[in-house]
Amino acid sequence: MVKPILLTEFHAPKPLGVITVCSNLKVLYLQGNSITKIENLHIFNKLTHLYLQDNKISRIENLEKLINLEKLFIGHNCITVVEGLENLKQLKELHLEQQNLPPGEALQFDPRTMESLSETLLLLDISKNELNSLWDICLLKSLVELHARGNKFQSIPGVCEPLSTLPNLQILDLSGNEICSFPKYRDAVMMSASQKLEWLDNKKLYQVTREFVQNFEIFKKQQSVTVIPQNDFPGLVTSDRNESKEISDLTLCNNLPTKPGLAAITSLFPPWSLKRTVMIRSQKKPTSSFQHSSNTVSDMNIFHKPT
């Protein structure tokens, strides 16, 4: 078994030159070496783990020969664009946290690289890179774990909508972002993210909580109030002098509109639960073609003509 080689605090101009004979190398530690350019790694085609964090690298390049690479640690460098990884078909973890970016700039992602990693990448760390949304990573369909702490997420849609495109996400860390203080932030993430999501900001998500939030959102939609125009109730007629006709409960029930948009409202007034609370005494005697000893129109007279 080939043991990993650790070369830290090795500040020679070409530190990789001394290990070119190790063609079977699988794990290589090169962090903290003030390296400015990735080079001389093409012979390590069996490499599976590469540690390049805490250097001065400004561009991801010369990695196309590392076809067996599974984990790449390249955080704390000076990278501005995530690129040059199209040939790494076995890459499962990509650590890009806290790049030393120019003022006012955010980390950028080459769409070609994102598409090439869509089927293999399982873990991505993009913490502290001045990002304001997650749209650039929505192609990563296989992503299981996402760390995006300490960015500049200020919009719920800019986070939740891209999350809905990641069907396999199980672990998500957005702590240290402004949106974490928004009301209903966790509810919005649970409603948008995959049903497989188990951890949010280092806190366990329980299925009973998810079901409660989902059912509550459905309930709120069903209970939304619809404004009904007065003309939709032909039984209720008000004159210019605010004189209301006397009307029975049965008349009100039978004259409720049957329009599809008002179905939820009509269900609130079943015939057996109506009470005679609508009747308003008129200031004048009602005029009608029917005669009644009490000078009022009865409920039966409204629906049955005298024989």
Protein backbone atom coordinates (compact mmCIF):
# COMPACT_ATOMS: atom_id res chain seq x y z
CA MET A 1 0.00 0.00 0.00
CA VAL A 2 1.33 3.41 -0.98
CA LYS A 3 1.52 5.82 1.95
CA PRO A 4 0.55 9.48 1.53
CA ILE A 5 3.27 12.06 1.23
CA LEU A 6 3.10 15.24 3.29
CA LEU A 7 4.96 18.30 2.04
CA THR A 8 4.03 21.29 4.18
CA GLU A 9 6.03 24.45 4.78
CA PHE A 10 8.22 23.51 1.83
CA HIS A 11 8.90 26.81 0.09
CA ALA A 12 11.27 25.72 -2.68
CA PRO A 13 10.58 27.23 -6.15
CA LYS A 14 9.53 23.82 -7.56
CA PRO A 15 8.52 21.64 -4.60
CA LEU A 16 6.91 19.00 -6.79
CA GLY A 17 10.16 18.14 -8.53
CA VAL A 18 11.41 16.04 -5.62
CA ILE A 19 8.51 13.59 -5.76
CA THR A 20 8.24 12.93 -9.48
CA VAL A 21 9.43 9.36 -8.96
CA CYS A 22 6.32 8.51 -6.92
CA SER A 23 4.04 7.66 -9.81
CA ASN A 24 1.78 5.43 -7.68
CA LEU A 25 1.01 8.19 -5.20
CA LYS A 26 -2.65 8.35 -4.13
CA VAL A 27 -2.71 11.06 -1.43
CA LEU A 28 -0.69 14.26 -1.64
CA TYR A 29 -0.60 17.04 0.95
CA LEU A 30 0.72 20.38 -0.34
CA GLN A 31 -1.10 22.86 1.88
CA GLY A 32 0.67 25.93 3.23
CA ASN A 33 3.50 26.01 0.68
CA SER A 34 2.92 29.44 -0.89
CA ILE A 35 2.33 27.71 -4.24
CA THR A 36 1.19 30.18 -6.90
CA LYS A 37 0.53 27.78 -9.79
CA ILE A 38 -0.65 24.18 -10.11
CA GLU A 39 1.92 22.29 -12.18
CA ASN A 40 4.00 19.12 -12.45
CA LEU A 41 1.15 16.89 -11.29
CA HIS A 42 0.41 15.20 -14.61
CA ILE A 43 2.34 11.99 -13.75
CA PHE A 44 0.15 11.31 -10.68
CA ASN A 45 -2.70 9.73 -12.59
CA LYS A 46 -3.51 7.45 -9.63
CA LEU A 47 -3.95 10.33 -7.21
CA THR A 48 -7.27 10.25 -5.34
CA HIS A 49 -6.79 12.99 -2.69
CA LEU A 50 -5.08 16.32 -3.30
CA TYR A 51 -4.63 18.96 -0.59
CA LEU A 52 -3.73 22.41 -1.94
CA GLN A 53 -5.38 24.70 0.61
CA ASP A 54 -3.66 27.72 2.19
CA ASN A 55 -1.53 28.60 -0.82
CA LYS A 56 -1.52 31.49 -3.31
CA ILE A 57 -3.08 29.72 -6.27
CA SER A 58 -5.10 32.03 -8.52
CA ARG A 59 -6.33 29.53 -11.11
CA ILE A 60 -7.45 25.89 -11.23
CA GLU A 61 -5.41 24.36 -14.05
CA ASN A 62 -3.25 21.41 -15.14
CA LEU A 63 -5.43 18.82 -13.40
CA GLU A 64 -6.84 17.12 -16.48
CA LYS A 65 -4.54 14.09 -16.10
CA LEU A 66 -5.75 13.32 -12.57
CA ILE A 67 -8.60 11.18 -13.82
CA ASN A 68 -8.89 9.22 -10.55
CA LEU A 69 -9.06 12.25 -8.27
CA GLU A 70 -11.95 11.96 -5.79
CA LYS A 71 -11.28 14.77 -3.31
CA LEU A 72 -9.82 18.20 -4.03
CA PHE A 73 -9.07 20.62 -1.19
CA ILE A 74 -8.23 24.03 -2.60
CA GLY A 75 -9.73 26.46 -0.11
CA HIS A 76 -8.01 29.59 1.22
CA ASN A 77 -6.36 30.51 -2.08
CA CYS A 78 -6.91 33.33 -4.58
CA ILE A 79 -9.22 31.58 -7.04
CA THR A 80 -11.90 33.74 -8.66
CA VAL A 81 -13.42 31.22 -11.12
CA VAL A 82 -14.21 27.55 -10.58
CA GLU A 83 -13.01 25.97 -13.83
CA GLY A 84 -10.69 23.37 -15.34
CA LEU A 85 -12.33 20.34 -13.73
CA GLU A 86 -14.11 18.91 -16.76
CA ASN A 87 -11.93 15.78 -16.97
CA LEU A 88 -12.28 14.82 -13.30
CA LYS A 89 -15.10 12.33 -13.77
CA GLN A 90 -14.48 10.69 -10.38
CA LEU A 91 -14.50 13.87 -8.29
CA LYS A 92 -16.80 13.51 -5.27
CA GLU A 93 -15.67 16.32 -2.96
CA LEU A 94 -14.70 19.89 -3.83
CA HIS A 95 -13.58 22.27 -1.07
CA LEU A 96 -13.39 25.91 -2.19
CA GLU A 97 -14.00 27.81 1.05
CA GLN A 98 -12.81 31.34 1.75
CA GLN A 99 -10.98 32.44 -1.37
CA ASN A 100 -9.02 35.69 -1.17
CA LEU A 101 -11.19 37.59 -3.66
CA PRO A 102 -10.79 41.15 -4.96
CA PRO A 103 -12.99 43.67 -3.10
CA GLY A 104 -16.59 43.62 -4.28
CA GLU A 105 -16.27 40.38 -6.26
CA ALA A 106 -17.80 36.97 -5.65
CA LEU A 107 -16.63 33.51 -6.63
CA GLN A 108 -17.71 32.60 -10.17
CA PHE A 109 -18.55 29.19 -11.62
CA ASP A 110 -17.90 27.99 -15.17
CA PRO A 111 -21.14 26.32 -16.37
CA ARG A 112 -19.13 23.71 -18.29
CA THR A 113 -17.38 22.65 -15.09
CA MET A 114 -20.65 22.54 -13.16
CA GLU A 115 -22.28 20.40 -15.82
CA SER A 116 -19.34 17.99 -15.92
CA LEU A 117 -19.60 17.49 -12.16
CA SER A 118 -23.37 17.13 -12.08
CA GLU A 119 -23.37 13.32 -11.93
CA THR A 120 -20.47 12.72 -9.54
CA LEU A 121 -20.00 15.57 -7.05
CA LEU A 122 -21.46 14.71 -3.63
CA LEU A 123 -19.96 17.41 -1.39
CA LEU A 124 -19.32 21.09 -2.09
CA ASP A 125 -17.93 23.71 0.30
CA ILE A 126 -18.29 27.30 -0.94
CA SER A 127 -18.32 29.05 2.42
CA LYS A 128 -17.24 32.70 2.74
CA ASN A 129 -17.01 33.53 -0.95
CA GLU A 130 -19.27 36.61 -1.15
CA LEU A 131 -22.04 34.70 -2.92
CA ASN A 132 -25.54 36.24 -3.05
CA SER A 133 -27.43 33.25 -4.50
CA LEU A 134 -27.10 29.54 -5.21
CA TRP A 135 -28.13 29.63 -8.86
CA ASP A 136 -24.62 28.80 -10.12
CA ILE A 137 -24.67 25.36 -8.52
CA CYS A 138 -28.18 24.24 -9.47
CA LEU A 139 -26.75 21.82 -12.06
CA LEU A 140 -25.25 19.60 -9.35
CA LYS A 141 -28.07 17.05 -9.27
CA SER A 142 -26.11 14.47 -7.28
CA LEU A 143 -25.08 16.84 -4.49
CA VAL A 144 -25.68 15.39 -1.03
CA GLU A 145 -23.86 17.87 1.21
CA LEU A 146 -23.58 21.64 0.72
CA HIS A 147 -21.70 24.08 2.94
CA ALA A 148 -22.29 27.75 2.15
CA ARG A 149 -21.65 29.50 5.45
CA GLY A 150 -20.84 33.19 5.78
CA ASN A 151 -21.86 34.39 2.34
CA LYS A 152 -24.17 37.29 1.42
CA PHE A 153 -27.48 35.52 0.93
CA GLN A 154 -30.12 38.20 1.47
CA SER A 155 -32.99 36.79 -0.59
CA ILE A 156 -35.09 33.75 0.25
CA PRO A 157 -35.91 33.07 -3.46
CA GLY A 158 -32.21 33.30 -4.37
CA VAL A 159 -31.57 30.38 -2.03
CA CYS A 160 -34.78 28.34 -1.92
CA GLU A 161 -35.51 28.22 -5.64
CA PRO A 162 -32.08 26.77 -6.54
CA LEU A 163 -32.39 24.34 -3.63
CA SER A 164 -35.50 22.88 -5.26
CA THR A 165 -33.28 21.68 -8.14
CA LEU A 166 -31.06 19.54 -5.86
CA PRO A 167 -33.09 16.35 -5.37
CA ASN A 168 -30.50 14.42 -3.34
CA LEU A 169 -29.45 17.08 -0.82
CA GLN A 170 -29.29 15.74 2.74
CA ILE A 171 -27.01 18.17 4.61
CA LEU A 172 -27.18 21.95 4.20
CA ASP A 173 -25.30 24.61 6.16
CA LEU A 174 -26.21 28.25 5.51
CA SER A 175 -25.28 29.58 8.94
CA GLY A 176 -23.74 33.03 9.13
CA ASN A 177 -25.91 34.45 6.33
CA GLU A 178 -28.38 37.30 6.72
CA ILE A 179 -31.35 35.21 5.61
CA CYS A 180 -30.94 32.96 8.66
CA SER A 181 -32.49 35.76 10.75
CA PHE A 182 -35.54 36.12 8.47
CA PRO A 183 -38.93 35.02 9.85
CA LYS A 184 -39.93 31.52 8.70
CA TYR A 185 -36.47 30.96 7.17
CA ARG A 186 -36.31 27.31 8.20
CA ASP A 187 -39.89 26.73 7.05
CA ALA A 188 -39.08 28.19 3.62
CA VAL A 189 -36.02 25.97 3.25
CA MET A 190 -37.94 22.86 4.31
CA MET A 191 -40.70 23.60 1.81
CA SER A 192 -38.21 24.13 -1.05
CA ALA A 193 -35.42 21.65 -0.43
CA SER A 194 -35.44 17.94 -1.10
CA GLN A 195 -37.51 15.64 1.09
CA LYS A 196 -34.20 13.90 1.83
CA LEU A 197 -32.83 16.93 3.70
CA GLU A 198 -31.94 15.79 7.23
CA TRP A 199 -29.68 18.54 8.59
CA LEU A 200 -30.04 22.31 8.30
CA ASP A 201 -27.43 24.59 9.89
CA ASN A 202 -26.17 21.73 12.08
CA LYS A 203 -29.67 21.05 13.43
CA LYS A 204 -31.61 17.87 12.79
CA LEU A 205 -34.77 18.12 10.73
CA TYR A 206 -37.47 15.73 11.89
CA GLN A 207 -40.09 14.35 9.56
CA VAL A 208 -42.93 15.33 11.89
CA THR A 209 -41.76 18.96 11.73
CA ARG A 210 -41.60 18.87 7.95
CA GLU A 211 -45.11 17.40 7.71
CA PHE A 212 -46.49 20.02 10.10
CA VAL A 213 -45.02 22.89 8.05
CA GLN A 214 -46.32 21.41 4.80
CA ASN A 215 -49.81 20.83 6.19
CA PHE A 216 -49.90 24.30 7.68
CA GLU A 217 -49.03 25.87 4.33
CA ILE A 218 -51.82 23.88 2.67
CA PHE A 219 -54.24 24.97 5.40
CA LYS A 220 -53.35 28.65 4.92
CA LYS A 221 -54.03 28.41 1.20
CA GLN A 222 -57.40 26.78 1.79
CA GLN A 223 -58.39 29.40 4.34
CA SER A 224 -57.49 32.37 2.16
CA VAL A 225 -60.44 34.80 1.99
CA THR A 226 -61.95 35.69 -1.36
CA VAL A 227 -63.73 39.04 -1.73
CA ILE A 228 -67.20 38.44 -3.17
CA PRO A 229 -68.83 41.23 -5.21
CA GLN A 230 -72.26 42.26 -3.93
CA ASN A 231 -73.88 41.45 -7.29
CA ASP A 232 -73.05 37.78 -6.78
CA PHE A 233 -75.84 37.64 -4.19
CA PRO A 234 -79.06 38.37 -6.11
CA GLY A 235 -81.12 37.85 -2.97
CA LEU A 236 -79.49 40.78 -1.19
CA VAL A 237 -80.57 44.05 -2.78
CA THR A 238 -79.94 47.42 -1.26
CA SER A 239 -81.64 50.55 -2.58
CA ASP A 240 -80.15 54.00 -2.78
CA ARG A 241 -81.77 54.80 0.54
CA ASN A 242 -80.16 51.75 2.20
CA GLU A 243 -83.44 49.94 2.51
CA SER A 244 -82.84 46.18 2.66
CA LYS A 245 -85.44 43.64 1.65
CA GLU A 246 -86.41 41.05 4.19
CA ILE A 247 -84.98 37.67 3.19
CA SER A 248 -85.13 34.21 4.70
CA ASP A 249 -82.23 31.90 5.49
CA LEU A 250 -83.33 29.43 2.84
CA THR A 251 -83.43 32.14 0.21
CA LEU A 252 -79.88 33.20 1.09
CA CYS A 253 -78.65 29.62 0.88
CA ASN A 254 -80.31 28.94 -2.47
CA ASN A 255 -79.02 32.18 -3.95
CA LEU A 256 -75.40 31.65 -3.03
CA PRO A 257 -73.29 31.71 -6.21
CA THR A 258 -72.18 28.49 -7.82
CA LYS A 259 -69.10 29.92 -9.54
CA PRO A 260 -66.02 27.65 -9.20
CA GLY A 261 -63.98 30.39 -7.58
CA LEU A 262 -66.54 30.75 -4.81
CA ALA A 263 -66.97 27.08 -3.98
CA ALA A 264 -64.87 27.38 -0.81
CA ILE A 265 -67.01 30.27 0.42
CA THR A 266 -70.35 28.56 -0.16
CA SER A 267 -69.18 25.56 1.84
CA LEU A 268 -68.97 27.83 4.87
CA PHE A 269 -72.76 28.29 4.88
CA PRO A 270 -74.52 24.88 4.87
CA PRO A 271 -78.34 25.12 4.97
CA TRP A 272 -78.67 23.42 8.34
CA SER A 273 -76.31 25.82 10.10
CA LEU A 274 -77.70 29.13 8.89
CA LYS A 275 -79.47 31.29 11.44
CA ARG A 276 -81.84 34.09 10.78
CA THR A 277 -79.26 36.80 11.25
CA VAL A 278 -79.54 38.37 7.82
CA MET A 279 -83.08 39.69 8.18
CA ILE A 280 -83.26 43.45 8.58
CA ARG A 281 -86.44 45.25 9.26
CA SER A 282 -87.40 47.53 6.42
CA GLN A 283 -88.60 51.02 7.09
CA LYS A 284 -91.53 50.60 4.68
CA LYS A 285 -94.00 47.85 4.15
CA PRO A 286 -92.78 45.60 1.34
CA THR A 287 -94.80 45.69 -1.83
CA SER A 288 -95.66 42.33 -3.33
CA SER A 289 -98.16 40.72 -5.62
CA PHE A 290 -98.94 38.28 -2.82
CA GLN A 291 -101.24 39.25 0.05
CA HIS A 292 -100.56 38.06 3.56
CA SER A 293 -102.20 38.95 6.79
CA SER A 294 -98.91 40.04 8.35
CA ASN A 295 -97.99 42.20 5.30
CA THR A 296 -94.69 40.33 4.92
CA VAL A 297 -93.48 37.87 2.38
CA SER A 298 -93.14 34.44 3.97
CA ASP A 299 -90.55 31.88 3.13
CA MET A 300 -93.10 29.56 1.58
CA ASN A 301 -94.54 32.32 -0.64
CA ILE A 302 -91.15 32.95 -2.13
CA PHE A 303 -90.88 29.44 -3.54
CA HIS A 304 -94.53 28.32 -3.98
CA LYS A 305 -97.28 30.19 -5.84
CA PRO A 306 -100.72 29.99 -4.27
CA THR A 307 -103.06 27.51 -5.91
